[in-house]
PDB file of N, CA and C in Angstrom:
ATOM      1  N   MET A   1     102.355  -9.321 -35.404  1.00  0.00           N
ATOM      2  CA  MET A   1     101.999  -7.940 -34.921  1.00  0.00           C
ATOM      3  C   MET A   1     103.033  -6.872 -35.264  1.00  0.00           C
ATOM      4  N   ASP A   2     102.560  -5.780 -35.655  1.00  0.00           N
ATOM      5  CA  ASP A   2     103.500  -4.738 -35.846  1.00  0.00           C
ATOM      6  C   ASP A   2     104.097  -4.013 -34.399  1.00  0.00           C
ATOM      7  N   ASP A   3     104.978  -3.167 -34.435  1.00  0.00           N
ATOM      8  CA  ASP A   3     105.602  -2.564 -33.337  1.00  0.00           C
ATOM      9  C   ASP A   3     104.520  -1.600 -32.611  1.00  0.00           C
ATOM     10  N   LEU A   4     103.706  -0.999 -33.280  1.00  0.00           N
ATOM     11  CA  LEU A   4     102.677  -0.190 -32.635  1.00  0.00           C
ATOM     12  C   LEU A   4     101.727  -0.988 -31.747  1.00  0.00           C
ATOM     13  N   ASN A   5     101.179  -2.131 -32.290  1.00  0.00           N
ATOM     14  CA  ASN A   5     100.444  -2.990 -31.471  1.00  0.00           C
ATOM     15  C   ASN A   5     100.999  -3.739 -30.389  1.00  0.00           C
ATOM     16  N   ILE A   6     102.391  -4.065 -30.627  1.00  0.00           N
ATOM     17  CA  ILE A   6     102.994  -4.583 -29.510  1.00  0.00           C
ATOM     18  C   ILE A   6     103.283  -3.671 -28.265  1.00  0.00           C
ATOM     19  N   SER A   7     103.566  -2.356 -28.766  1.00  0.00           N
ATOM     20  CA  SER A   7     103.718  -1.430 -27.712  1.00  0.00           C
ATOM     21  C   SER A   7     102.459  -1.095 -26.987  1.00  0.00           C
ATOM     22  N   ARG A   8     101.221  -1.076 -27.688  1.00  0.00           N
ATOM     23  CA  ARG A   8      99.939  -0.933 -26.991  1.00  0.00           C
ATOM     24  C   ARG A   8      99.549  -2.014 -26.178  1.00  0.00           C
ATOM     25  N   THR A   9      99.895  -3.126 -26.540  1.00  0.00           N
ATOM     26  CA  THR A   9      99.566  -4.376 -25.815  1.00  0.00           C
ATOM     27  C   THR A   9     100.392  -4.371 -24.393  1.00  0.00           C
ATOM     28  N   SER A  10     101.660  -3.993 -24.544  1.00  0.00           N
ATOM     29  CA  SER A  10     102.488  -3.890 -23.366  1.00  0.00           C
ATOM     30  C   SER A  10     102.044  -2.724 -22.448  1.00  0.00           C
ATOM     31  N   LEU A  11     101.634  -1.593 -23.006  1.00  0.00           N
ATOM     32  CA  LEU A  11     101.016  -0.624 -22.217  1.00  0.00           C
ATOM     33  C   LEU A  11      99.840  -0.957 -21.537  1.00  0.00           C
ATOM     34  N   GLY A  12      98.952  -1.676 -22.109  1.00  0.00           N
ATOM     35  CA  GLY A  12      97.671  -2.221 -21.445  1.00  0.00           C
ATOM     36  C   GLY A  12      97.884  -3.111 -20.398  1.00  0.00           C
ATOM     37  N   ILE A  13      98.884  -4.125 -20.678  1.00  0.00           N
ATOM     38  CA  ILE A  13      99.163  -5.083 -19.574  1.00  0.00           C
ATOM     39  C   ILE A  13      99.727  -4.343 -18.291  1.00  0.00           C
ATOM     40  N   HIS A  14     100.633  -3.526 -18.536  1.00  0.00           N
ATOM     41  CA  HIS A  14     101.274  -2.664 -17.396  1.00  0.00           C
ATOM     42  C   HIS A  14     100.291  -1.823 -16.678  1.00  0.00           C
ATOM     43  N   THR A  15      99.351  -1.195 -17.343  1.00  0.00           N
ATOM     44  CA  THR A  15      98.277  -0.434 -16.800  1.00  0.00           C
ATOM     45  C   THR A  15      97.437  -1.237 -15.828  1.00  0.00           C
ATOM     46  N   ILE A  16      96.977  -2.285 -16.398  1.00  0.00           N
ATOM     47  CA  ILE A  16      96.165  -3.246 -15.521  1.00  0.00           C
ATOM     48  C   ILE A  16      96.858  -3.663 -14.432  1.00  0.00           C
ATOM     49  N   LEU A  17      97.944  -4.073 -14.558  1.00  0.00           N
ATOM     50  CA  LEU A  17      98.738  -4.707 -13.445  1.00  0.00           C
ATOM     51  C   LEU A  17      99.151  -3.531 -12.382  1.00  0.00           C
ATOM     52  N   GLY A  18      99.395  -2.377 -12.873  1.00  0.00           N
ATOM     53  CA  GLY A  18      99.584  -1.192 -11.982  1.00  0.00           C
ATOM     54  C   GLY A  18      98.312  -1.103 -11.176  1.00  0.00           C
ATOM     55  N   ILE A  19      97.183  -1.140 -11.630  1.00  0.00           N
ATOM     56  CA  ILE A  19      96.055  -0.998 -10.921  1.00  0.00           C
ATOM     57  C   ILE A  19      95.837  -2.094  -9.888  1.00  0.00           C
ATOM     58  N   VAL A  20      96.323  -3.189 -10.294  1.00  0.00           N
ATOM     59  CA  VAL A  20      96.112  -4.483  -9.449  1.00  0.00           C
ATOM     60  C   VAL A  20      97.223  -4.264  -8.277  1.00  0.00           C
ATOM     61  N   ALA A  21      98.351  -3.780  -8.472  1.00  0.00           N
ATOM     62  CA  ALA A  21      99.377  -3.638  -7.616  1.00  0.00           C
ATOM     63  C   ALA A  21      99.042  -2.558  -6.508  1.00  0.00           C
ATOM     64  N   GLY A  22      98.224  -1.457  -7.113  1.00  0.00           N
ATOM     65  CA  GLY A  22      97.738  -0.464  -6.172  1.00  0.00           C
ATOM     66  C   GLY A  22      96.768  -1.035  -5.168  1.00  0.00           C
ATOM     67  N   TYR A  23      96.004  -1.872  -5.702  1.00  0.00           N
ATOM     68  CA  TYR A  23      94.952  -2.512  -4.854  1.00  0.00           C
ATOM     69  C   TYR A  23      95.583  -3.449  -3.706  1.00  0.00           C
ATOM     70  N   ILE A  24      96.563  -4.305  -4.184  1.00  0.00           N
ATOM     71  CA  ILE A  24      97.358  -5.090  -3.238  1.00  0.00           C
ATOM     72  C   ILE A  24      98.077  -4.282  -2.241  1.00  0.00           C
ATOM     73  N   SER A  25      98.542  -3.148  -2.674  1.00  0.00           N
ATOM     74  CA  SER A  25      99.385  -2.298  -1.754  1.00  0.00           C
ATOM     75  C   SER A  25      98.517  -1.636  -0.663  1.00  0.00           C
ATOM     76  N   ILE A  26      97.184  -1.417  -0.879  1.00  0.00           N
ATOM     77  CA  ILE A  26      96.464  -0.916   0.342  1.00  0.00           C
ATOM     78  C   ILE A  26      96.132  -1.846   1.340  1.00  0.00           C
ATOM     79  N   TRP A  27      96.255  -3.155   1.148  1.00  0.00           N
ATOM     80  CA  TRP A  27      96.006  -4.198   2.032  1.00  0.00           C
ATOM     81  C   TRP A  27      97.251  -4.678   2.889  1.00  0.00           C
ATOM     82  N   LEU A  28      98.453  -4.308   2.427  1.00  0.00           N
ATOM     83  CA  LEU A  28      99.824  -4.708   3.078  1.00  0.00           C
ATOM     84  C   LEU A  28      99.888  -3.754   4.301  1.00  0.00           C
ATOM     85  N   ALA A  29     100.388  -4.192   5.324  1.00  0.00           N
ATOM     86  CA  ALA A  29     100.582  -3.638   6.592  1.00  0.00           C
ATOM     87  C   ALA A  29     101.565  -2.475   6.599  1.00  0.00           C
ATOM     88  N   ASP A  30     102.653  -2.605   5.739  1.00  0.00           N
ATOM     89  CA  ASP A  30     103.678  -1.648   5.860  1.00  0.00           C
ATOM     90  C   ASP A  30     103.899  -1.065   4.376  1.00  0.00           C
ATOM     91  N   VAL A  31     104.450   0.172   4.401  1.00  0.00           N
ATOM     92  CA  VAL A  31     104.792   0.770   3.026  1.00  0.00           C
ATOM     93  C   VAL A  31     105.855  -0.001   2.447  1.00  0.00           C
ATOM     94  N   LEU A  32     106.918  -0.497   3.205  1.00  0.00           N
ATOM     95  CA  LEU A  32     108.022  -1.122   2.749  1.00  0.00           C
ATOM     96  C   LEU A  32     107.558  -2.439   1.980  1.00  0.00           C
ATOM     97  N   PHE A  33     106.539  -3.180   2.680  1.00  0.00           N
ATOM     98  CA  PHE A  33     106.082  -4.424   2.017  1.00  0.00           C
ATOM     99  C   PHE A  33     105.256  -3.990   0.681  1.00  0.00           C
ATOM    100  N   ALA A  34     104.703  -2.913   0.628  1.00  0.00           N
ATOM    101  CA  ALA A  34     103.905  -2.490  -0.493  1.00  0.00           C
ATOM    102  C   ALA A  34     104.824  -2.267  -1.614  1.00  0.00           C
ATOM    103  N   VAL A  35     105.888  -1.560  -1.339  1.00  0.00           N
ATOM    104  CA  VAL A  35     106.849  -1.168  -2.435  1.00  0.00           C
ATOM    105  C   VAL A  35     107.358  -2.535  -3.060  1.00  0.00           C
ATOM    106  N   VAL A  36     107.962  -3.274  -1.981  1.00  0.00           N
ATOM    107  CA  VAL A  36     108.690  -4.512  -2.444  1.00  0.00           C
ATOM    108  C   VAL A  36     107.765  -5.292  -3.291  1.00  0.00           C
ATOM    109  N   ALA A  37     106.350  -5.597  -2.960  1.00  0.00           N
ATOM    110  CA  ALA A  37     105.436  -6.129  -3.811  1.00  0.00           C
ATOM    111  C   ALA A  37     105.179  -5.653  -5.055  1.00  0.00           C
ATOM    112  N   ALA A  38     105.095  -4.306  -5.179  1.00  0.00           N
ATOM    113  CA  ALA A  38     104.966  -3.607  -6.357  1.00  0.00           C
ATOM    114  C   ALA A  38     106.150  -3.901  -7.372  1.00  0.00           C
ATOM    115  N   ILE A  39     107.401  -3.946  -6.672  1.00  0.00           N
ATOM    116  CA  ILE A  39     108.602  -3.972  -7.549  1.00  0.00           C
ATOM    117  C   ILE A  39     108.589  -5.602  -8.135  1.00  0.00           C
ATOM    118  N   VAL A  40     108.354  -6.491  -7.282  1.00  0.00           N
ATOM    119  CA  VAL A  40     108.288  -7.932  -7.647  1.00  0.00           C
ATOM    120  C   VAL A  40     107.252  -7.996  -8.792  1.00  0.00           C
ATOM    121  N   ILE A  41     106.040  -7.396  -8.681  1.00  0.00           N
ATOM    122  CA  ILE A  41     105.088  -7.676  -9.724  1.00  0.00           C
ATOM    123  C   ILE A  41     105.640  -6.878 -10.981  1.00  0.00           C
ATOM    124  N   LEU A  42     106.361  -5.806 -10.958  1.00  0.00           N
ATOM    125  CA  LEU A  42     106.811  -5.181 -12.008  1.00  0.00           C
ATOM    126  C   LEU A  42     107.909  -6.012 -12.677  1.00  0.00           C
ATOM    127  N   ILE A  43     108.698  -6.636 -12.054  1.00  0.00           N
ATOM    128  CA  ILE A  43     109.688  -7.427 -12.559  1.00  0.00           C
ATOM    129  C   ILE A  43     109.205  -8.702 -13.217  1.00  0.00           C
ATOM    130  N   VAL A  44     108.202  -9.355 -12.528  1.00  0.00           N
ATOM    131  CA  VAL A  44     107.680 -10.552 -13.170  1.00  0.00           C
ATOM    132  C   VAL A  44     106.807 -10.058 -14.453  1.00  0.00           C
ATOM    133  N   THR A  45     106.149  -9.010 -14.314  1.00  0.00           N
ATOM    134  CA  THR A  45     105.441  -8.489 -15.565  1.00  0.00           C
ATOM    135  C   THR A  45     106.379  -8.154 -16.616  1.00  0.00           C
ATOM    136  N   GLY A  46     107.596  -7.627 -16.348  1.00  0.00           N
ATOM    137  CA  GLY A  46     108.561  -7.303 -17.401  1.00  0.00           C
ATOM    138  C   GLY A  46     109.033  -8.518 -18.138  1.00  0.00           C
ATOM    139  N   TYR A  47     109.400  -9.554 -17.328  1.00  0.00           N
ATOM    140  CA  TYR A  47     109.840 -10.784 -18.046  1.00  0.00           C
ATOM    141  C   TYR A  47     108.647 -11.538 -18.770  1.00  0.00           C
ATOM    142  N   ALA A  48     107.650 -11.467 -18.273  1.00  0.00           N
ATOM    143  CA  ALA A  48     106.475 -12.088 -18.955  1.00  0.00           C
ATOM    144  C   ALA A  48     106.263 -11.460 -20.203  1.00  0.00           C
ATOM    145  N   THR A  49     106.114 -10.013 -20.096  1.00  0.00           N
ATOM    146  CA  THR A  49     105.867  -9.306 -21.430  1.00  0.00           C
ATOM    147  C   THR A  49     106.939  -9.504 -22.392  1.00  0.00           C
ATOM    148  N   GLU A  50     108.279  -9.510 -21.963  1.00  0.00           N
ATOM    149  CA  GLU A  50     109.305  -9.725 -23.021  1.00  0.00           C
ATOM    150  C   GLU A  50     109.231 -11.165 -23.579  1.00  0.00           C
ATOM    151  N   PHE A  51     108.962 -12.074 -22.796  1.00  0.00           N
ATOM    152  CA  PHE A  51     108.582 -13.485 -23.309  1.00  0.00           C
ATOM    153  C   PHE A  51     107.435 -13.531 -24.345  1.00  0.00           C
ATOM    154  N   ALA A  52     106.372 -12.899 -23.857  1.00  0.00           N
ATOM    155  CA  ALA A  52     105.078 -12.952 -24.727  1.00  0.00           C
ATOM    156  C   ALA A  52     105.163 -12.333 -25.984  1.00  0.00           C
ATOM    157  N   LEU A  53     105.852 -10.988 -25.938  1.00  0.00           N
ATOM    158  CA  LEU A  53     105.739 -10.222 -27.151  1.00  0.00           C
ATOM    159  C   LEU A  53     107.103 -10.092 -27.805  1.00  0.00           C
ATOM    160  N   LYS A  54     108.048 -11.134 -27.537  1.00  0.00           N
ATOM    161  CA  LYS A  54     109.317 -11.382 -28.089  1.00  0.00           C
ATOM    162  C   LYS A  54     110.164 -10.025 -28.375  1.00  0.00           C
ATOM    163  N   LYS A  55     110.113  -9.194 -27.335  1.00  0.00           N
ATOM    164  CA  LYS A  55     110.950  -8.229 -27.319  1.00  0.00           C
ATOM    165  C   LYS A  55     111.919  -8.155 -26.316  1.00  0.00           C
ATOM    166  N   LYS A  56     113.179  -7.759 -26.454  1.00  0.00           N
ATOM    167  CA  LYS A  56     114.233  -7.750 -25.473  1.00  0.00           C
ATOM    168  C   LYS A  56     114.812  -6.456 -25.243  1.00  0.00           C
ATOM    169  N   GLY A  57     115.190  -6.257 -24.006  1.00  0.00           N
ATOM    170  CA  GLY A  57     115.921  -5.177 -23.558  1.00  0.00           C
ATOM    171  C   GLY A  57     115.277  -4.479 -22.541  1.00  0.00           C
ATOM    172  N   ILE A  58     115.931  -3.805 -21.380  1.00  0.00           N
ATOM    173  CA  ILE A  58     115.273  -3.058 -20.331  1.00  0.00           C
ATOM    174  C   ILE A  58     114.933  -1.744 -20.826  1.00  0.00           C
ATOM    175  N   LYS A  59     115.616  -1.124 -21.908  1.00  0.00           N
ATOM    176  CA  LYS A  59     115.211   0.185 -22.412  1.00  0.00           C
ATOM    177  C   LYS A  59     113.859   0.041 -23.129  1.00  0.00           C
ATOM    178  N   TRP A  60     113.609  -0.984 -23.905  1.00  0.00           N
ATOM    179  CA  TRP A  60     112.254  -1.133 -24.525  1.00  0.00           C
ATOM    180  C   TRP A  60     111.229  -1.367 -23.524  1.00  0.00           C
ATOM    181  N   TRP A  61     111.481  -2.215 -22.587  1.00  0.00           N
ATOM    182  CA  TRP A  61     110.555  -2.564 -21.552  1.00  0.00           C
ATOM    183  C   TRP A  61     110.136  -1.433 -20.683  1.00  0.00           C
ATOM    184  N   MET A  62     111.169  -0.575 -20.182  1.00  0.00           N
ATOM    185  CA  MET A  62     110.707   0.553 -19.292  1.00  0.00           C
ATOM    186  C   MET A  62     110.063   1.678 -20.130  1.00  0.00           C
ATOM    187  N   THR A  63     110.262   1.926 -21.403  1.00  0.00           N
ATOM    188  CA  THR A  63     109.637   2.902 -22.231  1.00  0.00           C
ATOM    189  C   THR A  63     108.201   2.410 -22.575  1.00  0.00           C
ATOM    190  N   ASN A  64     108.068   1.165 -22.698  1.00  0.00           N
ATOM    191  CA  ASN A  64     106.771   0.634 -23.167  1.00  0.00           C
ATOM    192  C   ASN A  64     106.004  -0.027 -22.059  1.00  0.00           C
ATOM    193  N   GLY A  65     105.970   0.439 -20.892  1.00  0.00           N
ATOM    194  CA  GLY A  65     105.166  -0.044 -19.800  1.00  0.00           C
ATOM    195  C   GLY A  65     105.748   0.053 -18.432  1.00  0.00           C
ATOM    196  N   GLY A  66     107.087  -0.035 -18.251  1.00  0.00           N
ATOM    197  CA  GLY A  66     107.632   0.157 -16.824  1.00  0.00           C
ATOM    198  C   GLY A  66     107.324   1.456 -16.239  1.00  0.00           C
ATOM    199  N   VAL A  67     107.523   2.482 -16.862  1.00  0.00           N
ATOM    200  CA  VAL A  67     107.250   3.862 -16.190  1.00  0.00           C
ATOM    201  C   VAL A  67     105.740   4.105 -16.020  1.00  0.00           C
ATOM    202  N   LEU A  68     104.920   3.726 -16.901  1.00  0.00           N
ATOM    203  CA  LEU A  68     103.480   3.863 -16.829  1.00  0.00           C
ATOM    204  C   LEU A  68     103.086   3.042 -15.810  1.00  0.00           C
ATOM    205  N   TYR A  69     103.547   1.720 -15.528  1.00  0.00           N
ATOM    206  CA  TYR A  69     103.133   0.885 -14.367  1.00  0.00           C
ATOM    207  C   TYR A  69     103.422   1.528 -13.047  1.00  0.00           C
ATOM    208  N   ILE A  70     104.645   2.169 -12.877  1.00  0.00           N
ATOM    209  CA  ILE A  70     104.945   2.967 -11.711  1.00  0.00           C
ATOM    210  C   ILE A  70     103.938   3.949 -11.439  1.00  0.00           C
ATOM    211  N   LEU A  71     103.760   4.781 -12.389  1.00  0.00           N
ATOM    212  CA  LEU A  71     102.783   5.910 -12.283  1.00  0.00           C
ATOM    213  C   LEU A  71     101.336   5.460 -11.872  1.00  0.00           C
ATOM    214  N   VAL A  72     100.906   4.486 -12.463  1.00  0.00           N
ATOM    215  CA  VAL A  72      99.516   4.073 -12.482  1.00  0.00           C
ATOM    216  C   VAL A  72      99.472   3.326 -11.057  1.00  0.00           C
ATOM    217  N   TRP A  73     100.415   2.664 -10.525  1.00  0.00           N
ATOM    218  CA  TRP A  73     100.554   2.039  -9.279  1.00  0.00           C
ATOM    219  C   TRP A  73     100.525   3.115  -8.267  1.00  0.00           C
ATOM    220  N   ILE A  74     101.231   4.149  -8.277  1.00  0.00           N
ATOM    221  CA  ILE A  74     101.285   5.045  -7.184  1.00  0.00           C
ATOM    222  C   ILE A  74      99.926   5.828  -7.045  1.00  0.00           C
ATOM    223  N   VAL A  75      99.463   6.235  -8.310  1.00  0.00           N
ATOM    224  CA  VAL A  75      98.215   7.063  -8.297  1.00  0.00           C
ATOM    225  C   VAL A  75      96.945   6.190  -7.863  1.00  0.00           C
ATOM    226  N   SER A  76      97.022   4.793  -8.245  1.00  0.00           N
ATOM    227  CA  SER A  76      95.859   3.903  -7.767  1.00  0.00           C
ATOM    228  C   SER A  76      96.144   3.560  -6.276  1.00  0.00           C
ATOM    229  N   TRP A  77      97.199   3.372  -5.784  1.00  0.00           N
ATOM    230  CA  TRP A  77      97.386   3.110  -4.245  1.00  0.00           C
ATOM    231  C   TRP A  77      97.039   4.377  -3.560  1.00  0.00           C
ATOM    232  N   VAL A  78      97.379   5.649  -3.931  1.00  0.00           N
ATOM    233  CA  VAL A  78      96.966   6.778  -3.296  1.00  0.00           C
ATOM    234  C   VAL A  78      95.440   6.893  -3.329  1.00  0.00           C
ATOM    235  N   TYR A  79      94.880   6.783  -4.406  1.00  0.00           N
ATOM    236  CA  TYR A  79      93.486   6.874  -4.630  1.00  0.00           C
ATOM    237  C   TYR A  79      92.644   5.970  -3.663  1.00  0.00           C
ATOM    238  N   LEU A  80      92.920   4.565  -3.845  1.00  0.00           N
ATOM    239  CA  LEU A  80      92.375   3.516  -3.119  1.00  0.00           C
ATOM    240  C   LEU A  80      92.667   3.707  -1.684  1.00  0.00           C
ATOM    241  N   PHE A  81      93.725   4.088  -1.134  1.00  0.00           N
ATOM    242  CA  PHE A  81      94.050   4.289   0.265  1.00  0.00           C
ATOM    243  C   PHE A  81      93.154   5.336   0.747  1.00  0.00           C
ATOM    244  N   ASN A  82      92.834   6.287   0.113  1.00  0.00           N
ATOM    245  CA  ASN A  82      92.076   7.407   0.569  1.00  0.00           C
ATOM    246  C   ASN A  82      90.500   7.132   0.543  1.00  0.00           C
ATOM    247  N   THR A  83      90.164   6.176  -0.299  1.00  0.00           N
ATOM    248  CA  THR A  83      88.810   5.883  -0.379  1.00  0.00           C
ATOM    249  C   THR A  83      88.301   4.627   0.420  1.00  0.00           C
ATOM    250  N   VAL A  84      89.258   3.891   0.819  1.00  0.00           N
ATOM    251  CA  VAL A  84      89.021   2.699   1.773  1.00  0.00           C
ATOM    252  C   VAL A  84      89.019   3.052   3.210  1.00  0.00           C
TER     253      VAL A  84
END
């Protein structure tokens, strides 16, 4: 795969898992638990993405999914919290 497809794959994975983390966060009893769960999911996702896509480095990982994951997680958490 070329770099553009690798970046798109990483962004897609992080977007989907950001929504999943937002859903998990609404069922946790405390905000601190929700934040810790989201960070753990982010770290696991980062390592799995680096391994699967053969890209290394925190800078690449954060720009190709990490920041988007955080934004999608917060937006989905707030949205789902207000609808449930």
